[in-house]
Amino acid sequence: MKTVKSRILFCIVLFLIFSCGPKSEKNNQSSENSDVSESGISENAALSKDRVSAICLWPKVGLRDKPGRKDAKYLTTIYFGESVEYLNEKEKTEDDKEYLKIRLSDGSEGWVYEHLFALGGELAIIDKKTELYKRPDIMTFEGKKLEPMDMIVIFENEENEGWHEVTSMKRDDNGWIQGDIDAIKDDIDVKLGILYWRAMEEPTEEKFKLLENILANPNFKKSKLIEHVNKALYENEDGGEAFYIEELDSFENLSSNKLGIKADMANVRSEPNSKGNILFQLVKGDICHIIEQGGSLEKVGNQTDRWYKINFKGKEGWVFGYYTTKKRN
């Protein structure tokens, strides 16, 4: 009798163990697959795939808490080249303007005027002169061309094979490009281009300050577009001297990242020492952008000072501090 009871008790224990096992495993599987839809694609992945970006085409755009400007509260500013997420909501205001609901990279949400943004597409920089057609038809060329450094948004268009729809900053140039586009899409170059055009929209003094910041940024040193920044900073349209060369007679207001030449002539060398090759010469009154400061003091002749790596009208080299406004007292 005792043996029979023991067997019954043993069977009950086994039943409980096996009945709990599969149920637990099933629950784990259910938990692990909770983010997966019937199609086998996770809901998060599906949402990510459906997201549409909107690229700001204007220098500065206000984000507001509701469509339109009437009684709308300003939230923050969005800048040219900034990419935001379109939340698939549009509304027309009383003046018949269409507004988009968007989300910024920091999670902020609000409304913007649709005309100031490009839905979808990819930012790029024109590398060579490119013909712009009014429509995807060779008969619609009206002589308009995109120039090097023009920033554009390129849209995907499968219906017109061999053609690309594009729009530019402020929508100044909208149209179509035939065949392959001579455009730069590298991330670093595109970011340089965005900063370049943001700078070019500012008043003169602020413009040059922002251009100098681009030159000083080590991430942009090897960009092929840096020459365009140099040109904008150190030359005017006639190939003359840069804006801040107007300070020739006075160095009083020079910023810390510039130096002025005080000697009648100063050699600019390939290395921070007197043995470096002479690359070019500066004269009294020239103002240069400082790229780098030499680490230790050096003695040249009877004078002791530092060397400074400078940029003057796009040319770079080292100049001895004694001949400049950086001369040690």
C-alpha atoms as a PDB file:
ATOM      1  CA  MET A   1       0.000   0.000   0.000  1.00  0.00           C
ATOM      2  CA  LYS A   2       2.793   2.299   0.924  1.00  0.00           C
ATOM      3  CA  THR A   3       4.475   1.512  -2.426  1.00  0.00           C
ATOM      4  CA  VAL A   4       1.312   2.411  -4.368  1.00  0.00           C
ATOM      5  CA  LYS A   5       0.993   5.776  -2.578  1.00  0.00           C
ATOM      6  CA  SER A   6       4.631   6.539  -3.316  1.00  0.00           C
ATOM      7  CA  ARG A   7       4.113   5.830  -7.016  1.00  0.00           C
ATOM      8  CA  ILE A   8       1.008   8.032  -7.135  1.00  0.00           C
ATOM      9  CA  LEU A   9       2.853  10.881  -5.417  1.00  0.00           C
ATOM     10  CA  PHE A  10       5.779  10.504  -7.847  1.00  0.00           C
ATOM     11  CA  CYS A  11       3.429  10.670 -10.866  1.00  0.00           C
ATOM     12  CA  ILE A  12       1.763  13.830  -9.505  1.00  0.00           C
ATOM     13  CA  VAL A  13       5.144  15.532  -9.108  1.00  0.00           C
ATOM     14  CA  LEU A  14       6.146  14.592 -12.672  1.00  0.00           C
ATOM     15  CA  PHE A  15       2.855  15.919 -14.022  1.00  0.00           C
ATOM     16  CA  LEU A  16       3.322  19.261 -12.301  1.00  0.00           C
ATOM     17  CA  ILE A  17       6.898  19.619 -13.592  1.00  0.00           C
ATOM     18  CA  PHE A  18       6.063  18.901 -17.236  1.00  0.00           C
ATOM     19  CA  SER A  19       2.843  20.905 -17.245  1.00  0.00           C
ATOM     20  CA  CYS A  20       4.698  24.050 -16.038  1.00  0.00           C
ATOM     21  CA  GLY A  21       7.651  23.776 -18.427  1.00  0.00           C
ATOM     22  CA  PRO A  22       5.956  24.273 -21.833  1.00  0.00           C
ATOM     23  CA  LYS A  23       3.721  27.007 -20.440  1.00  0.00           C
ATOM     24  CA  SER A  24       6.730  28.965 -19.207  1.00  0.00           C
ATOM     25  CA  GLU A  25       8.499  28.538 -22.535  1.00  0.00           C
ATOM     26  CA  LYS A  26       5.413  29.653 -24.381  1.00  0.00           C
ATOM     27  CA  ASN A  27       5.196  32.776 -22.233  1.00  0.00           C
ATOM     28  CA  ASN A  28       8.842  33.579 -22.925  1.00  0.00           C
ATOM     29  CA  GLN A  29       8.310  33.202 -26.646  1.00  0.00           C
ATOM     30  CA  SER A  30       5.242  35.421 -26.438  1.00  0.00           C
ATOM     31  CA  SER A  31       7.245  38.046 -24.567  1.00  0.00           C
ATOM     32  CA  GLU A  32      10.139  37.919 -27.015  1.00  0.00           C
ATOM     33  CA  ASN A  33       7.850  38.252 -30.046  1.00  0.00           C
ATOM     34  CA  SER A  34       5.603  40.966 -28.581  1.00  0.00           C
ATOM     35  CA  ASP A  35       7.149  43.580 -30.895  1.00  0.00           C
ATOM     36  CA  VAL A  36       6.590  41.507 -34.020  1.00  0.00           C
ATOM     37  CA  SER A  37       3.509  41.969 -36.191  1.00  0.00           C
ATOM     38  CA  GLU A  38       1.677  39.235 -38.110  1.00  0.00           C
ATOM     39  CA  SER A  39       3.849  39.907 -41.122  1.00  0.00           C
ATOM     40  CA  GLY A  40       6.940  39.045 -39.078  1.00  0.00           C
ATOM     41  CA  ILE A  41       8.267  42.644 -39.109  1.00  0.00           C
ATOM     42  CA  SER A  42       8.661  44.456 -35.798  1.00  0.00           C
ATOM     43  CA  GLU A  43       6.357  47.438 -35.353  1.00  0.00           C
ATOM     44  CA  ASN A  44       9.348  49.672 -34.550  1.00  0.00           C
ATOM     45  CA  ALA A  45      11.074  48.666 -37.771  1.00  0.00           C
ATOM     46  CA  ALA A  46       7.896  49.296 -39.767  1.00  0.00           C
ATOM     47  CA  LEU A  47       7.512  52.740 -38.235  1.00  0.00           C
ATOM     48  CA  SER A  48      11.156  53.565 -38.943  1.00  0.00           C
ATOM     49  CA  LYS A  49      10.770  52.519 -42.571  1.00  0.00           C
ATOM     50  CA  ASP A  50       7.698  54.727 -43.038  1.00  0.00           C
ATOM     51  CA  ARG A  51       9.315  57.864 -41.643  1.00  0.00           C
ATOM     52  CA  VAL A  52       9.654  60.743 -44.089  1.00  0.00           C
ATOM     53  CA  SER A  53      12.305  63.397 -43.600  1.00  0.00           C
ATOM     54  CA  ALA A  54      11.814  67.070 -44.371  1.00  0.00           C
ATOM     55  CA  ILE A  55      14.849  69.246 -45.165  1.00  0.00           C
ATOM     56  CA  CYS A  56      14.814  72.937 -44.279  1.00  0.00           C
ATOM     57  CA  LEU A  57      15.461  75.076 -47.399  1.00  0.00           C
ATOM     58  CA  TRP A  58      15.425  78.496 -45.732  1.00  0.00           C
ATOM     59  CA  PRO A  59      18.160  80.153 -43.619  1.00  0.00           C
ATOM     60  CA  LYS A  60      15.906  80.301 -40.548  1.00  0.00           C
ATOM     61  CA  VAL A  61      12.399  78.921 -39.956  1.00  0.00           C
ATOM     62  CA  GLY A  62      10.252  79.284 -36.838  1.00  0.00           C
ATOM     63  CA  LEU A  63       8.668  76.198 -35.282  1.00  0.00           C
ATOM     64  CA  ARG A  64       5.235  77.001 -33.785  1.00  0.00           C
ATOM     65  CA  ASP A  65       2.761  75.171 -31.585  1.00  0.00           C
ATOM     66  CA  LYS A  66      -0.013  75.263 -34.199  1.00  0.00           C
ATOM     67  CA  PRO A  67      -0.427  75.908 -37.943  1.00  0.00           C
ATOM     68  CA  GLY A  68      -0.109  79.474 -39.198  1.00  0.00           C
ATOM     69  CA  ARG A  69       1.148  82.593 -37.448  1.00  0.00           C
ATOM     70  CA  LYS A  70      -2.062  83.948 -35.942  1.00  0.00           C
ATOM     71  CA  ASP A  71      -2.071  83.293 -32.186  1.00  0.00           C
ATOM     72  CA  ALA A  72       0.635  80.653 -32.711  1.00  0.00           C
ATOM     73  CA  LYS A  73       3.388  80.408 -30.105  1.00  0.00           C
ATOM     74  CA  TYR A  74       7.010  80.424 -31.311  1.00  0.00           C
ATOM     75  CA  LEU A  75       8.893  77.358 -30.010  1.00  0.00           C
ATOM     76  CA  THR A  76      12.362  77.379 -31.591  1.00  0.00           C
ATOM     77  CA  THR A  77      14.310  78.065 -34.793  1.00  0.00           C
ATOM     78  CA  ILE A  78      15.167  75.525 -37.481  1.00  0.00           C
ATOM     79  CA  TYR A  79      18.154  76.288 -39.717  1.00  0.00           C
ATOM     80  CA  PHE A  80      19.001  75.656 -43.359  1.00  0.00           C
ATOM     81  CA  GLY A  81      20.021  72.061 -44.049  1.00  0.00           C
ATOM     82  CA  GLU A  82      18.468  70.700 -40.855  1.00  0.00           C
ATOM     83  CA  SER A  83      16.624  67.421 -41.362  1.00  0.00           C
ATOM     84  CA  VAL A  84      13.427  66.856 -39.369  1.00  0.00           C
ATOM     85  CA  GLU A  85      10.789  64.119 -39.260  1.00  0.00           C
ATOM     86  CA  TYR A  86       7.478  64.745 -41.018  1.00  0.00           C
ATOM     87  CA  LEU A  87       4.646  63.364 -38.835  1.00  0.00           C
ATOM     88  CA  ASN A  88       2.236  62.841 -41.739  1.00  0.00           C
ATOM     89  CA  GLU A  89      -0.107  65.655 -40.717  1.00  0.00           C
ATOM     90  CA  LYS A  90      -0.971  68.671 -42.879  1.00  0.00           C
ATOM     91  CA  GLU A  91      -3.332  71.574 -42.303  1.00  0.00           C
ATOM     92  CA  LYS A  92      -4.402  74.567 -44.366  1.00  0.00           C
ATOM     93  CA  THR A  93      -4.853  77.925 -42.701  1.00  0.00           C
ATOM     94  CA  GLU A  94      -7.306  80.714 -43.535  1.00  0.00           C
ATOM     95  CA  ASP A  95      -4.865  82.238 -46.001  1.00  0.00           C
ATOM     96  CA  ASP A  96      -4.769  78.900 -47.871  1.00  0.00           C
ATOM     97  CA  LYS A  97      -1.170  78.093 -46.840  1.00  0.00           C
ATOM     98  CA  GLU A  98      -0.317  74.503 -46.013  1.00  0.00           C
ATOM     99  CA  TYR A  99       1.532  73.605 -42.818  1.00  0.00           C
ATOM    100  CA  LEU A 100       3.319  70.410 -41.796  1.00  0.00           C
ATOM    101  CA  LYS A 101       3.575  68.834 -38.376  1.00  0.00           C
ATOM    102  CA  ILE A 102       7.176  67.805 -37.692  1.00  0.00           C
ATOM    103  CA  ARG A 103       9.447  66.423 -34.982  1.00  0.00           C
ATOM    104  CA  LEU A 104      12.989  67.697 -34.346  1.00  0.00           C
ATOM    105  CA  SER A 105      15.977  65.554 -33.411  1.00  0.00           C
ATOM    106  CA  ASP A 106      15.494  66.467 -29.722  1.00  0.00           C
ATOM    107  CA  GLY A 107      11.877  65.254 -29.789  1.00  0.00           C
ATOM    108  CA  SER A 108      10.263  68.712 -29.998  1.00  0.00           C
ATOM    109  CA  GLU A 109       7.120  68.809 -32.139  1.00  0.00           C
ATOM    110  CA  GLY A 110       5.349  71.658 -33.887  1.00  0.00           C
ATOM    111  CA  TRP A 111       4.198  73.163 -37.175  1.00  0.00           C
ATOM    112  CA  VAL A 112       6.099  74.763 -40.082  1.00  0.00           C
ATOM    113  CA  TYR A 113       5.140  76.345 -43.395  1.00  0.00           C
ATOM    114  CA  GLU A 114       5.311  73.583 -46.016  1.00  0.00           C
ATOM    115  CA  HIS A 115       6.883  75.753 -48.746  1.00  0.00           C
ATOM    116  CA  LEU A 116      10.044  76.188 -46.662  1.00  0.00           C
ATOM    117  CA  PHE A 117      10.808  72.444 -46.604  1.00  0.00           C
ATOM    118  CA  ALA A 118      11.536  69.636 -49.050  1.00  0.00           C
ATOM    119  CA  LEU A 119       9.779  66.380 -48.238  1.00  0.00           C
ATOM    120  CA  GLY A 120      12.050  63.400 -48.792  1.00  0.00           C
ATOM    121  CA  GLY A 121      15.137  63.667 -50.966  1.00  0.00           C
ATOM    122  CA  GLU A 122      18.850  63.885 -50.227  1.00  0.00           C
ATOM    123  CA  LEU A 123      21.091  66.922 -49.722  1.00  0.00           C
ATOM    124  CA  ALA A 124      24.036  67.252 -52.110  1.00  0.00           C
ATOM    125  CA  ILE A 125      26.477  69.875 -53.404  1.00  0.00           C
ATOM    126  CA  ILE A 126      26.938  70.600 -57.096  1.00  0.00           C
ATOM    127  CA  ASP A 127      30.530  69.894 -58.145  1.00  0.00           C
ATOM    128  CA  LYS A 128      30.496  71.136 -61.765  1.00  0.00           C
ATOM    129  CA  LYS A 129      28.322  73.448 -63.837  1.00  0.00           C
ATOM    130  CA  THR A 130      25.128  71.539 -64.561  1.00  0.00           C
ATOM    131  CA  GLU A 131      22.259  72.306 -66.942  1.00  0.00           C
ATOM    132  CA  LEU A 132      18.858  72.642 -65.285  1.00  0.00           C
ATOM    133  CA  TYR A 133      15.736  71.776 -67.285  1.00  0.00           C
ATOM    134  CA  LYS A 134      12.249  73.055 -66.495  1.00  0.00           C
ATOM    135  CA  ARG A 135      10.734  69.608 -67.007  1.00  0.00           C
ATOM    136  CA  PRO A 136      12.176  66.146 -67.775  1.00  0.00           C
ATOM    137  CA  ASP A 137      12.355  66.987 -71.471  1.00  0.00           C
ATOM    138  CA  ILE A 138      15.407  68.176 -73.446  1.00  0.00           C
ATOM    139  CA  MET A 139      13.261  70.850 -75.136  1.00  0.00           C
ATOM    140  CA  THR A 140      12.684  72.663 -71.822  1.00  0.00           C
ATOM    141  CA  PHE A 141      16.257  73.940 -71.320  1.00  0.00           C
ATOM    142  CA  GLU A 142      16.134  77.722 -70.852  1.00  0.00           C
ATOM    143  CA  GLY A 143      19.824  78.408 -70.295  1.00  0.00           C
ATOM    144  CA  LYS A 144      19.761  78.050 -66.512  1.00  0.00           C
ATOM    145  CA  LYS A 145      22.705  76.233 -64.887  1.00  0.00           C
ATOM    146  CA  LEU A 146      23.619  75.192 -61.370  1.00  0.00           C
ATOM    147  CA  GLU A 147      27.056  76.368 -60.200  1.00  0.00           C
ATOM    148  CA  PRO A 148      29.726  74.612 -58.090  1.00  0.00           C
ATOM    149  CA  MET A 149      28.889  74.837 -54.349  1.00  0.00           C
ATOM    150  CA  ASP A 150      25.152  75.209 -55.024  1.00  0.00           C
ATOM    151  CA  MET A 151      23.300  73.045 -52.507  1.00  0.00           C
ATOM    152  CA  ILE A 152      20.389  71.010 -53.796  1.00  0.00           C
ATOM    153  CA  VAL A 153      17.940  68.370 -52.658  1.00  0.00           C
ATOM    154  CA  ILE A 154      17.728  65.417 -55.049  1.00  0.00           C
ATOM    155  CA  PHE A 155      14.413  63.551 -55.143  1.00  0.00           C
ATOM    156  CA  GLU A 156      13.951  59.934 -56.157  1.00  0.00           C
ATOM    157  CA  ASN A 157      11.793  59.646 -59.262  1.00  0.00           C
ATOM    158  CA  GLU A 158      11.331  56.255 -60.881  1.00  0.00           C
ATOM    159  CA  GLU A 159       8.807  57.446 -63.464  1.00  0.00           C
ATOM    160  CA  ASN A 160      11.287  59.537 -65.454  1.00  0.00           C
ATOM    161  CA  GLU A 161      14.266  57.301 -66.172  1.00  0.00           C
ATOM    162  CA  GLY A 162      17.487  59.199 -66.777  1.00  0.00           C
ATOM    163  CA  TRP A 163      16.211  62.354 -65.047  1.00  0.00           C
ATOM    164  CA  HIS A 164      16.517  63.697 -61.504  1.00  0.00           C
ATOM    165  CA  GLU A 165      14.181  66.233 -59.919  1.00  0.00           C
ATOM    166  CA  VAL A 166      15.969  68.806 -57.752  1.00  0.00           C
ATOM    167  CA  THR A 167      15.345  71.959 -55.759  1.00  0.00           C
ATOM    168  CA  SER A 168      17.833  74.410 -54.281  1.00  0.00           C
ATOM    169  CA  MET A 169      18.124  76.638 -51.242  1.00  0.00           C
ATOM    170  CA  LYS A 170      15.109  78.978 -50.945  1.00  0.00           C
ATOM    171  CA  ARG A 171      13.688  77.102 -53.961  1.00  0.00           C
ATOM    172  CA  ASP A 172      15.499  79.602 -56.196  1.00  0.00           C
ATOM    173  CA  ASP A 173      16.231  76.823 -58.689  1.00  0.00           C
ATOM    174  CA  ASN A 174      13.698  74.043 -59.219  1.00  0.00           C
ATOM    175  CA  GLY A 175      13.831  71.644 -62.127  1.00  0.00           C
ATOM    176  CA  TRP A 176      15.343  68.527 -63.591  1.00  0.00           C
ATOM    177  CA  ILE A 177      18.870  67.301 -64.298  1.00  0.00           C
ATOM    178  CA  GLN A 178      19.522  64.877 -67.117  1.00  0.00           C
ATOM    179  CA  GLY A 179      21.720  61.799 -66.611  1.00  0.00           C
ATOM    180  CA  ASP A 180      24.279  61.409 -63.837  1.00  0.00           C
ATOM    181  CA  ILE A 181      24.612  64.342 -61.453  1.00  0.00           C
ATOM    182  CA  ASP A 182      28.054  65.792 -60.698  1.00  0.00           C
ATOM    183  CA  ALA A 183      27.237  66.208 -57.029  1.00  0.00           C
ATOM    184  CA  ILE A 184      29.055  65.663 -53.724  1.00  0.00           C
ATOM    185  CA  LYS A 185      27.164  63.626 -51.135  1.00  0.00           C
ATOM    186  CA  ASP A 186      29.915  62.850 -48.613  1.00  0.00           C
ATOM    187  CA  ASP A 187      28.637  63.562 -45.090  1.00  0.00           C
ATOM    188  CA  ILE A 188      31.549  65.809 -44.032  1.00  0.00           C
ATOM    189  CA  ASP A 189      31.407  67.825 -47.266  1.00  0.00           C
ATOM    190  CA  VAL A 190      27.633  68.248 -47.028  1.00  0.00           C
ATOM    191  CA  LYS A 191      27.923  69.498 -43.440  1.00  0.00           C
ATOM    192  CA  LEU A 192      30.629  71.950 -44.528  1.00  0.00           C
ATOM    193  CA  GLY A 193      28.329  73.111 -47.331  1.00  0.00           C
ATOM    194  CA  ILE A 194      25.449  73.666 -44.913  1.00  0.00           C
ATOM    195  CA  LEU A 195      27.632  75.784 -42.618  1.00  0.00           C
ATOM    196  CA  TYR A 196      29.025  77.648 -45.634  1.00  0.00           C
ATOM    197  CA  TRP A 197      25.584  78.687 -46.866  1.00  0.00           C
ATOM    198  CA  ARG A 198      24.392  79.542 -43.379  1.00  0.00           C
ATOM    199  CA  ALA A 199      27.396  81.875 -43.129  1.00  0.00           C
ATOM    200  CA  MET A 200      26.803  83.417 -46.551  1.00  0.00           C
ATOM    201  CA  GLU A 201      23.284  84.487 -45.515  1.00  0.00           C
ATOM    202  CA  GLU A 202      24.565  86.514 -42.554  1.00  0.00           C
ATOM    203  CA  PRO A 203      25.605  90.204 -42.464  1.00  0.00           C
ATOM    204  CA  THR A 204      29.229  90.781 -43.468  1.00  0.00           C
ATOM    205  CA  GLU A 205      30.972  90.738 -40.092  1.00  0.00           C
ATOM    206  CA  GLU A 206      29.068  87.688 -38.846  1.00  0.00           C
ATOM    207  CA  LYS A 207      29.618  85.979 -42.200  1.00  0.00           C
ATOM    208  CA  PHE A 208      33.393  86.185 -41.948  1.00  0.00           C
ATOM    209  CA  LYS A 209      33.344  85.029 -38.351  1.00  0.00           C
ATOM    210  CA  LEU A 210      31.391  81.906 -39.333  1.00  0.00           C
ATOM    211  CA  LEU A 211      33.637  81.245 -42.337  1.00  0.00           C
ATOM    212  CA  GLU A 212      36.677  81.461 -40.059  1.00  0.00           C
ATOM    213  CA  ASN A 213      35.071  78.902 -37.754  1.00  0.00           C
ATOM    214  CA  ILE A 214      34.785  76.508 -40.694  1.00  0.00           C
ATOM    215  CA  LEU A 215      38.478  76.942 -41.505  1.00  0.00           C
ATOM    216  CA  ALA A 216      39.430  76.368 -37.870  1.00  0.00           C
ATOM    217  CA  ASN A 217      37.378  73.153 -37.607  1.00  0.00           C
ATOM    218  CA  PRO A 218      39.834  70.202 -37.870  1.00  0.00           C
ATOM    219  CA  ASN A 219      37.108  67.963 -39.304  1.00  0.00           C
ATOM    220  CA  PHE A 220      37.037  70.017 -42.501  1.00  0.00           C
ATOM    221  CA  LYS A 221      40.796  70.264 -43.146  1.00  0.00           C
ATOM    222  CA  LYS A 222      40.817  67.581 -45.874  1.00  0.00           C
ATOM    223  CA  SER A 223      37.540  68.558 -47.525  1.00  0.00           C
ATOM    224  CA  LYS A 224      37.861  69.462 -51.203  1.00  0.00           C
ATOM    225  CA  LEU A 225      35.400  72.292 -50.541  1.00  0.00           C
ATOM    226  CA  ILE A 226      37.679  74.174 -48.145  1.00  0.00           C
ATOM    227  CA  GLU A 227      39.050  76.208 -51.081  1.00  0.00           C
ATOM    228  CA  HIS A 228      35.592  77.673 -51.634  1.00  0.00           C
ATOM    229  CA  VAL A 229      35.571  78.826 -48.008  1.00  0.00           C
ATOM    230  CA  ASN A 230      39.020  80.378 -48.458  1.00  0.00           C
ATOM    231  CA  LYS A 231      37.836  82.180 -51.571  1.00  0.00           C
ATOM    232  CA  ALA A 232      34.752  83.562 -49.845  1.00  0.00           C
ATOM    233  CA  LEU A 233      36.799  84.635 -46.843  1.00  0.00           C
ATOM    234  CA  TYR A 234      39.824  86.192 -48.503  1.00  0.00           C
ATOM    235  CA  GLU A 235      38.589  87.448 -51.863  1.00  0.00           C
ATOM    236  CA  ASN A 236      35.762  89.600 -53.124  1.00  0.00           C
ATOM    237  CA  GLU A 237      34.035  89.175 -56.469  1.00  0.00           C
ATOM    238  CA  ASP A 238      36.777  91.118 -58.240  1.00  0.00           C
ATOM    239  CA  GLY A 239      39.513  88.954 -56.754  1.00  0.00           C
ATOM    240  CA  GLY A 240      40.559  91.759 -54.419  1.00  0.00           C
ATOM    241  CA  GLU A 241      41.423  91.690 -50.742  1.00  0.00           C
ATOM    242  CA  ALA A 242      39.174  90.321 -48.050  1.00  0.00           C
ATOM    243  CA  PHE A 243      36.676  92.383 -46.109  1.00  0.00           C
ATOM    244  CA  TYR A 244      38.659  92.659 -42.921  1.00  0.00           C
ATOM    245  CA  ILE A 245      41.747  93.899 -44.759  1.00  0.00           C
ATOM    246  CA  GLU A 246      39.990  97.269 -44.343  1.00  0.00           C
ATOM    247  CA  GLU A 247      41.629  97.285 -40.901  1.00  0.00           C
ATOM    248  CA  LEU A 248      45.070  97.872 -42.463  1.00  0.00           C
ATOM    249  CA  ASP A 249      45.820 101.008 -40.466  1.00  0.00           C
ATOM    250  CA  SER A 250      44.780  99.586 -37.105  1.00  0.00           C
ATOM    251  CA  PHE A 251      45.146  96.252 -35.353  1.00  0.00           C
ATOM    252  CA  GLU A 252      43.249  97.336 -32.260  1.00  0.00           C
ATOM    253  CA  ASN A 253      40.110  95.308 -32.930  1.00  0.00           C
ATOM    254  CA  LEU A 254      41.711  92.080 -34.132  1.00  0.00           C
ATOM    255  CA  SER A 255      40.079  88.944 -32.732  1.00  0.00           C
ATOM    256  CA  SER A 256      42.216  86.367 -30.938  1.00  0.00           C
ATOM    257  CA  ASN A 257      42.297  84.073 -33.965  1.00  0.00           C
ATOM    258  CA  LYS A 258      43.911  86.683 -36.249  1.00  0.00           C
ATOM    259  CA  LEU A 259      47.290  88.389 -36.369  1.00  0.00           C
ATOM    260  CA  GLY A 260      48.599  91.408 -38.238  1.00  0.00           C
ATOM    261  CA  ILE A 261      52.050  91.878 -39.813  1.00  0.00           C
ATOM    262  CA  LYS A 262      53.941  94.770 -38.189  1.00  0.00           C
ATOM    263  CA  ALA A 263      57.315  94.344 -39.935  1.00  0.00           C
ATOM    264  CA  ASP A 264      57.940  95.770 -43.401  1.00  0.00           C
ATOM    265  CA  MET A 265      58.212  92.176 -44.657  1.00  0.00           C
ATOM    266  CA  ALA A 266      57.839  88.728 -43.076  1.00  0.00           C
ATOM    267  CA  ASN A 267      58.697  85.335 -44.547  1.00  0.00           C
ATOM    268  CA  VAL A 268      56.121  82.564 -44.411  1.00  0.00           C
ATOM    269  CA  ARG A 269      57.868  79.202 -44.156  1.00  0.00           C
ATOM    270  CA  SER A 270      56.967  75.546 -44.668  1.00  0.00           C
ATOM    271  CA  GLU A 271      58.069  74.601 -41.126  1.00  0.00           C
ATOM    272  CA  PRO A 272      57.996  76.404 -37.749  1.00  0.00           C
ATOM    273  CA  ASN A 273      61.714  77.248 -37.852  1.00  0.00           C
ATOM    274  CA  SER A 274      64.097  79.475 -39.775  1.00  0.00           C
ATOM    275  CA  LYS A 275      65.295  76.511 -41.883  1.00  0.00           C
ATOM    276  CA  GLY A 276      61.910  75.905 -43.459  1.00  0.00           C
ATOM    277  CA  ASN A 277      61.450  76.805 -47.111  1.00  0.00           C
ATOM    278  CA  ILE A 278      60.070  80.272 -47.802  1.00  0.00           C
ATOM    279  CA  LEU A 279      56.613  79.776 -49.334  1.00  0.00           C
ATOM    280  CA  PHE A 280      55.632  83.435 -49.748  1.00  0.00           C
ATOM    281  CA  GLN A 281      56.056  86.794 -48.042  1.00  0.00           C
ATOM    282  CA  LEU A 282      53.739  89.116 -46.131  1.00  0.00           C
ATOM    283  CA  VAL A 283      53.999  92.875 -45.880  1.00  0.00           C
ATOM    284  CA  LYS A 284      53.133  95.387 -43.203  1.00  0.00           C
ATOM    285  CA  GLY A 285      49.392  95.642 -42.685  1.00  0.00           C
ATOM    286  CA  ASP A 286      48.498  92.131 -43.888  1.00  0.00           C
ATOM    287  CA  ILE A 287      46.019  90.350 -41.607  1.00  0.00           C
ATOM    288  CA  CYS A 288      46.035  86.557 -41.342  1.00  0.00           C
ATOM    289  CA  HIS A 289      43.838  83.876 -39.840  1.00  0.00           C
ATOM    290  CA  ILE A 290      45.675  81.772 -37.213  1.00  0.00           C
ATOM    291  CA  ILE A 291      45.386  78.025 -37.791  1.00  0.00           C
ATOM    292  CA  GLU A 292      47.811  76.809 -35.128  1.00  0.00           C
ATOM    293  CA  GLN A 293      50.241  78.131 -32.528  1.00  0.00           C
ATOM    294  CA  GLY A 294      53.699  76.620 -32.150  1.00  0.00           C
ATOM    295  CA  GLY A 295      54.280  74.836 -28.863  1.00  0.00           C
ATOM    296  CA  SER A 296      57.573  76.215 -27.568  1.00  0.00           C
ATOM    297  CA  LEU A 297      59.514  79.465 -27.894  1.00  0.00           C
ATOM    298  CA  GLU A 298      62.197  79.599 -30.616  1.00  0.00           C
ATOM    299  CA  LYS A 299      65.152  81.911 -31.071  1.00  0.00           C
ATOM    300  CA  VAL A 300      65.609  83.532 -34.481  1.00  0.00           C
ATOM    301  CA  GLY A 301      68.647  85.819 -34.598  1.00  0.00           C
ATOM    302  CA  ASN A 302      68.528  87.782 -31.356  1.00  0.00           C
ATOM    303  CA  GLN A 303      64.737  87.487 -30.957  1.00  0.00           C
ATOM    304  CA  THR A 304      62.782  84.816 -29.070  1.00  0.00           C
ATOM    305  CA  ASP A 305      59.140  84.144 -29.880  1.00  0.00           C
ATOM    306  CA  ARG A 306      56.637  81.534 -31.078  1.00  0.00           C
ATOM    307  CA  TRP A 307      55.773  80.485 -34.602  1.00  0.00           C
ATOM    308  CA  TYR A 308      52.220  80.708 -35.891  1.00  0.00           C
ATOM    309  CA  LYS A 309      50.657  78.709 -38.700  1.00  0.00           C
ATOM    310  CA  ILE A 310      48.528  81.124 -40.691  1.00  0.00           C
ATOM    311  CA  ASN A 311      46.171  81.293 -43.639  1.00  0.00           C
ATOM    312  CA  PHE A 312      46.416  84.324 -45.890  1.00  0.00           C
ATOM    313  CA  LYS A 313      44.082  84.462 -48.897  1.00  0.00           C
ATOM    314  CA  GLY A 314      43.998  80.678 -49.049  1.00  0.00           C
ATOM    315  CA  LYS A 315      47.760  80.195 -48.669  1.00  0.00           C
ATOM    316  CA  GLU A 316      49.152  78.537 -45.547  1.00  0.00           C
ATOM    317  CA  GLY A 317      52.509  78.530 -43.772  1.00  0.00           C
ATOM    318  CA  TRP A 318      54.409  79.508 -40.615  1.00  0.00           C
ATOM    319  CA  VAL A 319      55.324  83.071 -39.597  1.00  0.00           C
ATOM    320  CA  PHE A 320      57.534  84.136 -36.677  1.00  0.00           C
ATOM    321  CA  GLY A 321      55.518  85.899 -33.976  1.00  0.00           C
ATOM    322  CA  TYR A 322      58.096  88.656 -33.435  1.00  0.00           C
ATOM    323  CA  TYR A 323      57.091  90.243 -36.762  1.00  0.00           C
ATOM    324  CA  THR A 324      53.374  90.246 -35.898  1.00  0.00           C
ATOM    325  CA  THR A 325      50.821  91.624 -33.472  1.00  0.00           C
ATOM    326  CA  LYS A 326      51.447  88.443 -31.440  1.00  0.00           C
ATOM    327  CA  LYS A 327      54.965  89.683 -30.574  1.00  0.00           C
ATOM    328  CA  ARG A 328      55.939  88.923 -26.978  1.00  0.00           C
ATOM    329  CA  ASN A 329      56.233  92.040 -24.812  1.00  0.00           C
END
